[in-house]
Amino acid sequence: MKNKNIKLKRVETIINERISETVTLVKEVRNSTNYNELKRLEGFNREVSNSGVKNLTPSLEKRGFWGVALVIETSIITGKLEQFIIDSQHRLEACRVLGMPYSYMVYRLDKEEDTLDNIIGTITDFNSTAVKWSNIKYLECYAKTGKKEYVIMLDALKSTKLTVTDMQNIYLGGSGAEQVKAFKSGKMKFEDKKDSEKKLLVTMKIHDVIPMSFVKRSFFKVLKLVKGNYMALVDLILADKASIPDSEKKCYPWLLEKCEEIK
């Protein structure tokens, strides 16, 4: 019961802080068994997993469908007014399996100032009441809207063995709170695209000798110190790769010594 109250309180907070100012409550539907009436936002909703549905069925069989699923009604996605489920899609699928009725609330998100970014923000807010979105999910989601920076970063990610955090360091100049906030809000902007491409190239050259992300973090820090002379630093690292420390604490001063050799 405690977890249920925490989740409901979180949902109420989101509605008060974001939703109440941007959407209108259209209707509340109780005890529906029309499982096909609500569409999913393909590519934006979290993928429904069989294990997730299976884990929910015992609780639903015992307690029923408590609370409500959350639905938006908008024409922004397809050009015509349609309803899309944005939260509780696993519970809805479990209800379908059990033949159990479910309830939902419909909010209209169709004002002139509303955008696809606003819809994505709404989805991520509500989904954070359960399992948080991964960085790759944010990246894929915003790339689907055609945002240039996200498309470029996703293409680079797919063609390398690097992580989203690596990409943030390369394209945004860091992976701290400020960069992550911009990344997750859809407002990510590259520091310098041409310079980032050089960083991507040299990062790939040292990836096999510095594969651990927490150690690679030191590499991104010292890149800022060599003033674009990235390849000289990489050459020194590769020439002495047998002595690369395996901890960030030791690797950073080791890399600083390499920077001094360049100077």
Protein backbone atom coordinates (compact mmCIF):
# COMPACT_ATOMS: atom_id res chain seq x y z
CA MET A 1 0.00 0.00 0.00
CA LYS A 2 2.89 2.36 0.78
CA ASN A 3 4.41 1.97 -2.71
CA LYS A 4 0.99 2.51 -4.26
CA ASN A 5 0.55 5.79 -2.36
CA ILE A 6 4.04 6.95 -3.34
CA LYS A 7 3.32 6.33 -7.02
CA LEU A 8 -0.08 8.07 -6.90
CA LYS A 9 1.49 11.06 -5.12
CA ARG A 10 4.18 11.24 -7.81
CA VAL A 11 1.55 11.16 -10.58
CA GLU A 12 -0.43 13.93 -8.86
CA THR A 13 2.73 16.04 -8.65
CA ILE A 14 3.41 15.63 -12.36
CA ILE A 15 -0.18 16.56 -13.23
CA ASN A 16 0.00 19.66 -11.03
CA GLU A 17 3.43 20.81 -12.21
CA ARG A 18 3.29 19.97 -15.93
CA ILE A 19 0.07 18.48 -17.17
CA SER A 20 -2.50 20.82 -15.64
CA GLU A 21 -0.88 23.75 -17.45
CA THR A 22 -0.61 22.11 -20.86
CA VAL A 23 -3.51 19.68 -21.25
CA THR A 24 -7.20 19.38 -20.49
CA LEU A 25 -8.81 16.41 -18.74
CA VAL A 26 -11.28 15.10 -21.32
CA LYS A 27 -12.83 12.08 -19.64
CA GLU A 28 -12.34 9.21 -17.23
CA VAL A 29 -13.29 5.72 -18.40
CA ARG A 30 -14.05 2.99 -15.89
CA ASN A 31 -14.04 -0.80 -16.32
CA SER A 32 -13.26 -0.94 -20.03
CA THR A 33 -12.53 -4.25 -21.72
CA ASN A 34 -11.81 -2.78 -25.16
CA TYR A 35 -8.09 -3.53 -25.18
CA ASN A 36 -7.54 -2.23 -28.71
CA GLU A 37 -9.04 1.23 -28.31
CA LEU A 38 -5.80 2.81 -27.08
CA LYS A 39 -2.79 3.09 -29.36
CA ARG A 40 0.83 2.92 -28.28
CA LEU A 41 3.34 5.54 -29.35
CA GLU A 42 5.71 3.20 -31.16
CA GLY A 43 9.29 4.21 -30.56
CA PHE A 44 8.37 6.46 -27.64
CA ASN A 45 6.68 4.15 -25.12
CA ARG A 46 8.88 1.67 -23.28
CA GLU A 47 8.74 -1.71 -25.00
CA VAL A 48 6.28 -4.11 -23.36
CA SER A 49 8.13 -7.20 -22.16
CA ASN A 50 6.64 -10.63 -21.54
CA SER A 51 8.43 -10.83 -18.18
CA GLY A 52 7.03 -7.46 -17.13
CA VAL A 53 3.50 -8.56 -17.95
CA LYS A 54 3.99 -11.93 -16.24
CA ASN A 55 5.26 -10.27 -13.06
CA LEU A 56 2.14 -8.10 -12.84
CA THR A 57 -0.51 -10.79 -13.34
CA PRO A 58 -0.46 -12.27 -9.78
CA SER A 59 -0.99 -8.83 -8.23
CA LEU A 60 -3.77 -7.95 -10.67
CA GLU A 61 -5.51 -11.29 -10.07
CA LYS A 62 -5.38 -10.69 -6.32
CA ARG A 63 -6.15 -6.96 -6.08
CA GLY A 64 -7.63 -5.97 -9.44
CA PHE A 65 -6.67 -2.93 -11.53
CA TRP A 66 -6.17 -0.15 -8.99
CA GLY A 67 -5.78 3.47 -10.07
CA VAL A 68 -5.98 4.52 -13.71
CA ALA A 69 -3.91 4.28 -16.86
CA LEU A 70 -2.94 7.62 -18.38
CA VAL A 71 -3.86 8.49 -21.94
CA ILE A 72 -3.27 11.54 -24.13
CA GLU A 73 -5.58 12.64 -26.92
CA THR A 74 -3.78 14.59 -29.63
CA SER A 75 -3.56 15.25 -33.36
CA ILE A 76 0.13 16.18 -33.17
CA ILE A 77 1.34 12.64 -33.87
CA THR A 78 -0.67 11.59 -36.94
CA GLY A 79 -2.56 14.72 -37.96
CA LYS A 80 -5.88 13.39 -36.65
CA LEU A 81 -7.23 13.28 -33.12
CA GLU A 82 -6.29 9.92 -31.57
CA GLN A 83 -5.74 8.47 -28.13
CA PHE A 84 -2.38 7.06 -27.00
CA ILE A 85 -1.52 5.32 -23.75
CA ILE A 86 1.55 6.86 -22.10
CA ASP A 87 1.66 5.03 -18.77
CA SER A 88 0.65 1.59 -17.45
CA GLN A 89 1.03 -0.20 -20.80
CA HIS A 90 2.33 -3.32 -18.98
CA ARG A 91 -0.71 -3.35 -16.70
CA LEU A 92 -3.02 -2.91 -19.70
CA GLU A 93 -1.41 -5.87 -21.46
CA ALA A 94 -1.71 -7.95 -18.30
CA CYS A 95 -5.41 -7.07 -18.17
CA ARG A 96 -5.74 -8.25 -21.76
CA VAL A 97 -4.16 -11.61 -20.81
CA LEU A 98 -6.46 -11.99 -17.79
CA GLY A 99 -9.60 -10.64 -19.48
CA MET A 100 -9.80 -8.07 -16.68
CA PRO A 101 -11.35 -4.58 -17.00
CA TYR A 102 -9.18 -1.48 -16.62
CA SER A 103 -9.74 2.25 -16.11
CA TYR A 104 -8.05 5.26 -17.65
CA MET A 105 -8.02 9.04 -17.76
CA VAL A 106 -7.76 10.96 -21.05
CA TYR A 107 -5.92 14.28 -21.28
CA ARG A 108 -6.03 16.39 -24.43
CA LEU A 109 -2.64 17.68 -25.56
CA ASP A 110 -3.55 19.64 -28.66
CA LYS A 111 -2.99 23.33 -28.04
CA GLU A 112 -1.34 25.56 -30.62
CA GLU A 113 1.84 25.86 -28.54
CA ASP A 114 2.14 22.12 -27.94
CA THR A 115 4.89 20.24 -29.79
CA LEU A 116 6.17 16.70 -30.10
CA ASP A 117 8.84 17.65 -27.54
CA ASN A 118 6.06 18.45 -25.08
CA ILE A 119 4.55 15.01 -25.66
CA ILE A 120 7.92 13.30 -25.15
CA GLY A 121 8.43 15.28 -21.94
CA THR A 122 5.03 14.16 -20.72
CA ILE A 123 5.79 10.51 -21.52
CA THR A 124 9.18 10.59 -19.77
CA ASP A 125 7.68 12.26 -16.69
CA PHE A 126 5.01 9.62 -16.28
CA ASN A 127 7.30 6.69 -17.09
CA SER A 128 9.72 7.85 -14.38
CA THR A 129 7.09 6.81 -11.82
CA ALA A 130 8.10 3.22 -12.62
CA VAL A 131 11.39 2.27 -14.28
CA LYS A 132 13.43 5.24 -15.44
CA TRP A 133 14.25 5.62 -19.11
CA SER A 134 17.76 4.67 -20.15
CA ASN A 135 20.02 7.15 -21.97
CA ILE A 136 19.67 5.14 -25.17
CA LYS A 137 15.87 5.41 -24.93
CA TYR A 138 16.06 9.21 -24.70
CA LEU A 139 18.48 9.25 -27.63
CA GLU A 140 16.31 7.04 -29.83
CA CYS A 141 13.16 8.90 -28.89
CA TYR A 142 14.43 12.37 -29.80
CA ALA A 143 16.17 11.05 -32.91
CA LYS A 144 12.77 9.84 -34.12
CA THR A 145 11.53 13.43 -34.04
CA GLY A 146 14.28 14.39 -36.49
CA LYS A 147 16.39 16.44 -34.08
CA LYS A 148 19.70 16.73 -35.93
CA GLU A 149 22.03 16.39 -32.95
CA TYR A 150 20.27 13.27 -31.69
CA VAL A 151 20.27 11.69 -35.14
CA ILE A 152 24.01 12.32 -35.51
CA MET A 153 24.79 10.98 -32.04
CA LEU A 154 22.64 7.88 -32.54
CA ASP A 155 24.29 7.13 -35.90
CA ALA A 156 27.72 7.48 -34.27
CA LEU A 157 26.67 5.23 -31.40
CA LYS A 158 25.46 2.51 -33.77
CA SER A 159 28.68 2.56 -35.78
CA THR A 160 31.00 2.31 -32.75
CA LYS A 161 31.35 0.32 -29.56
CA LEU A 162 31.07 3.46 -27.45
CA THR A 163 28.45 4.32 -24.82
CA VAL A 164 25.97 7.19 -24.65
CA THR A 165 28.10 8.69 -21.86
CA ASP A 166 31.12 8.57 -24.19
CA MET A 167 29.04 10.37 -26.82
CA GLN A 168 28.04 13.04 -24.33
CA ASN A 169 31.69 13.67 -23.50
CA ILE A 170 32.59 13.81 -27.18
CA TYR A 171 29.76 15.98 -28.50
CA LEU A 172 28.71 17.98 -25.42
CA GLY A 173 32.08 18.43 -23.75
CA GLY A 174 31.09 16.46 -20.68
CA SER A 175 28.55 14.16 -19.05
CA GLY A 176 27.77 16.16 -15.93
CA ALA A 177 24.41 17.30 -14.59
CA GLU A 178 24.11 20.23 -16.99
CA GLN A 179 24.83 18.17 -20.11
CA VAL A 180 22.58 15.29 -19.00
CA LYS A 181 19.70 17.68 -18.28
CA ALA A 182 19.95 19.19 -21.78
CA PHE A 183 20.26 15.70 -23.29
CA LYS A 184 17.14 14.36 -21.54
CA SER A 185 15.06 17.47 -22.24
CA GLY A 186 15.61 17.34 -26.00
CA LYS A 187 17.62 20.59 -25.96
CA MET A 188 21.07 19.11 -26.53
CA LYS A 189 23.41 21.26 -28.63
CA PHE A 190 26.90 20.30 -29.83
CA GLU A 191 29.85 22.36 -28.62
CA ASP A 192 31.70 22.13 -31.92
CA LYS A 193 30.68 19.46 -34.42
CA LYS A 194 33.96 19.39 -36.38
CA ASP A 195 36.02 19.21 -33.20
CA SER A 196 33.69 16.48 -31.89
CA GLU A 197 34.32 14.42 -35.00
CA LYS A 198 38.07 14.61 -34.26
CA LYS A 199 37.41 13.53 -30.67
CA LEU A 200 35.31 10.62 -31.91
CA LEU A 201 38.11 9.49 -34.20
CA VAL A 202 40.81 9.53 -31.51
CA THR A 203 38.49 7.94 -28.95
CA MET A 204 38.00 4.99 -31.28
CA LYS A 205 41.77 4.63 -31.57
CA ILE A 206 42.20 4.23 -27.80
CA HIS A 207 38.94 2.40 -27.12
CA ASP A 208 40.51 -1.06 -27.10
CA VAL A 209 43.32 -0.04 -24.74
CA ILE A 210 41.11 2.07 -22.44
CA PRO A 211 37.75 0.25 -22.64
CA MET A 212 36.46 0.97 -19.12
CA SER A 213 34.16 4.00 -19.01
CA PHE A 214 35.32 5.16 -15.59
CA VAL A 215 38.95 5.16 -16.78
CA LYS A 216 38.05 6.64 -20.16
CA ARG A 217 36.58 9.58 -18.25
CA SER A 218 40.16 10.65 -17.48
CA PHE A 219 40.95 10.60 -21.20
CA PHE A 220 38.08 12.99 -21.94
CA LYS A 221 39.30 15.32 -19.19
CA VAL A 222 42.82 15.62 -20.58
CA LEU A 223 41.61 16.07 -24.15
CA LYS A 224 40.58 19.55 -23.06
CA LEU A 225 44.18 20.30 -22.08
CA VAL A 226 45.95 19.53 -25.36
CA LYS A 227 44.16 22.25 -27.36
CA GLY A 228 43.12 20.14 -30.31
CA ASN A 229 46.40 18.22 -30.53
CA TYR A 230 44.49 15.01 -29.93
CA MET A 231 46.43 12.69 -32.19
CA ALA A 232 49.74 13.52 -30.50
CA LEU A 233 48.24 12.47 -27.17
CA VAL A 234 46.85 9.26 -28.65
CA ASP A 235 50.21 8.38 -30.20
CA LEU A 236 51.89 8.73 -26.79
CA ILE A 237 49.19 6.60 -25.13
CA LEU A 238 49.46 3.82 -27.70
CA ALA A 239 53.27 3.86 -27.56
CA ASP A 240 53.08 3.18 -23.83
CA LYS A 241 49.82 1.21 -23.66
CA ALA A 242 51.33 -1.60 -21.59
CA SER A 243 51.63 0.75 -18.61
CA ILE A 244 48.14 2.29 -18.73
CA PRO A 245 46.73 2.23 -15.15
CA ASP A 246 43.46 0.37 -14.64
CA SER A 247 41.89 2.89 -12.25
CA GLU A 248 40.70 6.44 -12.82
CA LYS A 249 42.62 7.69 -9.80
CA LYS A 250 45.92 6.47 -11.27
CA CYS A 251 45.07 7.00 -14.93
CA TYR A 252 44.42 10.74 -14.73
CA PRO A 253 47.92 11.70 -13.45
CA TRP A 254 49.44 9.22 -15.92
CA LEU A 255 47.64 10.99 -18.77
CA LEU A 256 48.67 14.38 -17.42
CA GLU A 257 52.28 13.28 -17.78
CA LYS A 258 51.59 12.47 -21.44
CA CYS A 259 50.13 15.95 -21.88
CA GLU A 260 53.32 17.45 -20.48
CA GLU A 261 55.34 15.55 -23.10
CA ILE A 262 53.32 17.25 -25.83
CA LYS A 263 54.05 20.70 -24.41
